[in-house]
Each structure stands twice: as structure tokens, then as C-alpha cells.
PDB file of N, CA and C in Angstrom:
ATOM      1  N   MET A   1       0.809  -1.143  -0.164  1.00  0.00           N
ATOM      2  CA  MET A   1      -0.051  -0.025   0.111  1.00  0.00           C
ATOM      3  C   MET A   1       0.883   1.255   0.106  1.00  0.00           C
ATOM      4  N   ASP A   2       0.469   2.298  -1.063  1.00  0.00           N
ATOM      5  CA  ASP A   2       1.345   3.567  -0.840  1.00  0.00           C
ATOM      6  C   ASP A   2       0.371   4.634  -0.170  1.00  0.00           C
ATOM      7  N   ILE A   3       1.303   5.210   0.863  1.00  0.00           N
ATOM      8  CA  ILE A   3       0.612   6.366   1.715  1.00  0.00           C
ATOM      9  C   ILE A   3       1.366   7.662   1.055  1.00  0.00           C
ATOM     10  N   THR A   4       0.724   8.600   1.075  1.00  0.00           N
ATOM     11  CA  THR A   4       1.129   9.756   0.908  1.00  0.00           C
ATOM     12  C   THR A   4       0.176  10.780   1.674  1.00  0.00           C
ATOM     13  N   LEU A   5       0.807  11.767   2.668  1.00  0.00           N
ATOM     14  CA  LEU A   5       0.137  12.414   3.372  1.00  0.00           C
ATOM     15  C   LEU A   5       0.545  13.801   3.090  1.00  0.00           C
ATOM     16  N   TYR A   6      -0.581  14.515   2.716  1.00  0.00           N
ATOM     17  CA  TYR A   6      -0.415  16.124   2.516  1.00  0.00           C
ATOM     18  C   TYR A   6      -0.665  16.768   3.581  1.00  0.00           C
ATOM     19  N   HIS A   7       0.512  17.413   4.028  1.00  0.00           N
ATOM     20  CA  HIS A   7       0.854  17.972   5.545  1.00  0.00           C
ATOM     21  C   HIS A   7       1.004  19.449   4.984  1.00  0.00           C
ATOM     22  N   SER A   8       0.415  20.545   5.809  1.00  0.00           N
ATOM     23  CA  SER A   8       0.598  21.777   5.996  1.00  0.00           C
ATOM     24  C   SER A   8       0.967  22.101   7.404  1.00  0.00           C
ATOM     25  N   PRO A   9       2.442  22.484   7.604  1.00  0.00           N
ATOM     26  CA  PRO A   9       3.138  22.732   8.781  1.00  0.00           C
ATOM     27  C   PRO A   9       1.676  23.671  10.067  1.00  0.00           C
ATOM     28  N   GLY A  10       1.815  22.953  10.967  1.00  0.00           N
ATOM     29  CA  GLY A  10       0.886  23.721  12.004  1.00  0.00           C
ATOM     30  C   GLY A  10      -0.615  23.143  11.937  1.00  0.00           C
ATOM     31  N   ALA A  11      -0.908  22.353  11.091  1.00  0.00           N
ATOM     32  CA  ALA A  11      -2.201  21.940  10.825  1.00  0.00           C
ATOM     33  C   ALA A  11      -2.519  20.631  11.371  1.00  0.00           C
ATOM     34  N   CYS A  12      -3.768  19.994  11.618  1.00  0.00           N
ATOM     35  CA  CYS A  12      -4.061  18.628  12.010  1.00  0.00           C
ATOM     36  C   CYS A  12      -3.370  17.698  11.709  1.00  0.00           C
ATOM     37  N   SER A  13      -2.958  17.589  10.721  1.00  0.00           N
ATOM     38  CA  SER A  13      -2.310  16.513   9.793  1.00  0.00           C
ATOM     39  C   SER A  13      -0.963  16.234  10.792  1.00  0.00           C
ATOM     40  N   MET A  14      -0.451  17.252  11.540  1.00  0.00           N
ATOM     41  CA  MET A  14       0.570  16.843  12.330  1.00  0.00           C
ATOM     42  C   MET A  14       0.321  15.456  13.331  1.00  0.00           C
ATOM     43  N   ALA A  15      -0.847  15.384  13.758  1.00  0.00           N
ATOM     44  CA  ALA A  15      -1.144  14.196  14.447  1.00  0.00           C
ATOM     45  C   ALA A  15      -0.981  12.853  13.747  1.00  0.00           C
ATOM     46  N   THR A  16      -1.452  12.999  12.361  1.00  0.00           N
ATOM     47  CA  THR A  16      -1.555  11.636  11.517  1.00  0.00           C
ATOM     48  C   THR A  16      -0.129  11.527  11.128  1.00  0.00           C
ATOM     49  N   TYR A  17       0.951  12.560  10.920  1.00  0.00           N
ATOM     50  CA  TYR A  17       2.401  12.529  10.830  1.00  0.00           C
ATOM     51  C   TYR A  17       2.824  11.836  11.665  1.00  0.00           C
ATOM     52  N   VAL A  18       2.635  12.164  13.009  1.00  0.00           N
ATOM     53  CA  VAL A  18       3.302  11.560  14.331  1.00  0.00           C
ATOM     54  C   VAL A  18       3.159  10.335  14.254  1.00  0.00           C
ATOM     55  N   SER A  19       1.783  10.012  13.952  1.00  0.00           N
ATOM     56  CA  SER A  19       1.254   8.589  14.231  1.00  0.00           C
ATOM     57  C   SER A  19       1.940   7.625  13.267  1.00  0.00           C
ATOM     58  N   LEU A  20       1.750   7.988  11.840  1.00  0.00           N
ATOM     59  CA  LEU A  20       2.728   7.289  11.038  1.00  0.00           C
ATOM     60  C   LEU A  20       4.260   7.292  11.117  1.00  0.00           C
ATOM     61  N   LEU A  21       4.917   8.114  11.798  1.00  0.00           N
ATOM     62  CA  LEU A  21       6.059   7.825  12.476  1.00  0.00           C
ATOM     63  C   LEU A  21       6.201   6.934  13.508  1.00  0.00           C
ATOM     64  N   GLU A  22       5.388   6.744  14.365  1.00  0.00           N
ATOM     65  CA  GLU A  22       5.416   5.894  15.307  1.00  0.00           C
ATOM     66  C   GLU A  22       5.167   4.731  15.145  1.00  0.00           C
ATOM     67  N   ALA A  23       4.386   4.566  14.181  1.00  0.00           N
ATOM     68  CA  ALA A  23       3.858   3.209  13.576  1.00  0.00           C
ATOM     69  C   ALA A  23       4.997   2.505  12.887  1.00  0.00           C
ATOM     70  N   GLY A  24       6.086   3.337  12.329  1.00  0.00           N
ATOM     71  CA  GLY A  24       7.076   2.645  11.665  1.00  0.00           C
ATOM     72  C   GLY A  24       6.659   2.457  10.036  1.00  0.00           C
ATOM     73  N   ALA A  25       5.401   3.229   9.543  1.00  0.00           N
ATOM     74  CA  ALA A  25       5.186   3.163   8.144  1.00  0.00           C
ATOM     75  C   ALA A  25       5.968   3.796   7.289  1.00  0.00           C
ATOM     76  N   ASP A  26       5.759   3.463   6.014  1.00  0.00           N
ATOM     77  CA  ASP A  26       6.407   3.744   5.100  1.00  0.00           C
ATOM     78  C   ASP A  26       5.596   4.589   4.200  1.00  0.00           C
ATOM     79  N   PHE A  27       5.698   5.958   3.967  1.00  0.00           N
ATOM     80  CA  PHE A  27       4.857   6.692   3.814  1.00  0.00           C
ATOM     81  C   PHE A  27       5.677   8.229   2.929  1.00  0.00           C
ATOM     82  N   ASP A  28       5.116   8.765   2.132  1.00  0.00           N
ATOM     83  CA  ASP A  28       5.808  10.192   1.432  1.00  0.00           C
ATOM     84  C   ASP A  28       4.866  11.297   2.314  1.00  0.00           C
ATOM     85  N   VAL A  29       5.464  12.195   2.379  1.00  0.00           N
ATOM     86  CA  VAL A  29       4.852  13.432   2.644  1.00  0.00           C
ATOM     87  C   VAL A  29       5.146  14.746   1.725  1.00  0.00           C
ATOM     88  N   LYS A  30       3.865  15.033   1.588  1.00  0.00           N
ATOM     89  CA  LYS A  30       4.145  16.407   0.281  1.00  0.00           C
ATOM     90  C   LYS A  30       3.149  17.525   1.051  1.00  0.00           C
ATOM     91  N   ILE A  31       4.021  18.518   1.176  1.00  0.00           N
ATOM     92  CA  ILE A  31       4.045  19.463   1.887  1.00  0.00           C
ATOM     93  C   ILE A  31       3.303  20.509   1.033  1.00  0.00           C
ATOM     94  N   VAL A  32       1.847  21.334   1.499  1.00  0.00           N
ATOM     95  CA  VAL A  32       1.154  21.945   0.882  1.00  0.00           C
ATOM     96  C   VAL A  32       1.066  23.252   1.672  1.00  0.00           C
ATOM     97  N   SER A  33       0.590  24.424   1.066  1.00  0.00           N
ATOM     98  CA  SER A  33       0.689  25.923   1.842  1.00  0.00           C
ATOM     99  C   SER A  33      -1.080  25.741   1.719  1.00  0.00           C
ATOM    100  N   LEU A  34      -1.919  25.840   2.710  1.00  0.00           N
ATOM    101  CA  LEU A  34      -3.320  26.379   2.984  1.00  0.00           C
ATOM    102  C   LEU A  34      -3.532  27.628   2.592  1.00  0.00           C
ATOM    103  N   LYS A  35      -2.793  28.483   2.944  1.00  0.00           N
ATOM    104  CA  LYS A  35      -2.693  29.843   2.488  1.00  0.00           C
ATOM    105  C   LYS A  35      -2.729  30.019   0.992  1.00  0.00           C
ATOM    106  N   ILE A  36      -2.085  29.219   0.302  1.00  0.00           N
ATOM    107  CA  ILE A  36      -2.285  29.430  -1.059  1.00  0.00           C
ATOM    108  C   ILE A  36      -3.444  29.019  -1.580  1.00  0.00           C
ATOM    109  N   MET A  37      -3.890  27.804  -1.271  1.00  0.00           N
ATOM    110  CA  MET A  37      -5.171  27.206  -1.219  1.00  0.00           C
ATOM    111  C   MET A  37      -6.382  28.033  -0.994  1.00  0.00           C
ATOM    112  N   SER A  38      -6.430  28.649   0.049  1.00  0.00           N
ATOM    113  CA  SER A  38      -7.322  29.473   0.116  1.00  0.00           C
ATOM    114  C   SER A  38      -7.662  30.658  -0.449  1.00  0.00           C
ATOM    115  N   ASN A  39      -6.534  31.046  -0.942  1.00  0.00           N
ATOM    116  CA  ASN A  39      -6.552  32.214  -1.944  1.00  0.00           C
ATOM    117  C   ASN A  39      -7.204  32.149  -2.955  1.00  0.00           C
ATOM    118  N   ARG A  40      -6.445  30.608  -3.543  1.00  0.00           N
ATOM    119  CA  ARG A  40      -7.240  30.316  -4.822  1.00  0.00           C
ATOM    120  C   ARG A  40      -9.057  29.876  -4.993  1.00  0.00           C
ATOM    121  N   ILE A  41      -9.342  29.612  -3.857  1.00  0.00           N
ATOM    122  CA  ILE A  41     -10.709  29.325  -3.381  1.00  0.00           C
ATOM    123  C   ILE A  41     -11.389  30.797  -3.324  1.00  0.00           C
ATOM    124  N   GLN A  42     -11.121  31.956  -2.674  1.00  0.00           N
ATOM    125  CA  GLN A  42     -11.748  32.752  -2.700  1.00  0.00           C
ATOM    126  C   GLN A  42     -11.348  33.815  -4.176  1.00  0.00           C
ATOM    127  N   TYR A  43     -10.422  33.571  -4.777  1.00  0.00           N
ATOM    128  CA  TYR A  43     -10.377  34.178  -6.438  1.00  0.00           C
ATOM    129  C   TYR A  43     -11.529  33.230  -7.132  1.00  0.00           C
ATOM    130  N   MET A  44     -11.659  32.120  -7.125  1.00  0.00           N
ATOM    131  CA  MET A  44     -12.455  31.304  -8.234  1.00  0.00           C
ATOM    132  C   MET A  44     -14.166  31.799  -7.648  1.00  0.00           C
ATOM    133  N   GLN A  45     -14.164  32.262  -6.342  1.00  0.00           N
ATOM    134  CA  GLN A  45     -15.782  32.538  -5.656  1.00  0.00           C
ATOM    135  C   GLN A  45     -16.132  33.990  -6.325  1.00  0.00           C
ATOM    136  N   ARG A  46     -15.236  34.704  -6.726  1.00  0.00           N
ATOM    137  CA  ARG A  46     -15.520  36.066  -7.268  1.00  0.00           C
ATOM    138  C   ARG A  46     -16.567  35.980  -8.464  1.00  0.00           C
TER     139      ARG A  46
END
């Protein structure tokens, strides 16, 4: 099974990140910016 965690520093995904590390799971982390995503959503709603 391939696991990819989409993570934004300071977000709730930190708990999942720590859990995966503690479990010794093999996973990839993709860092995303929620600020950029929020700006795009606001722009699209205009």
C-alpha cells in the first residue's frame, strides 16, 4: 500500500504524521500551503 500524507505545517495533519512515524509506516509527505489554496478558492468564488 502506498501512503501519501498531504501536510501543512501547524495543521491537524501533524497528528497523523506523528502516528505514521511512531508506527514505522513507509509513507511520503507532500507539503502544501493552505494559505495559497485559500487564496485560490477566494479568487474562484468571485
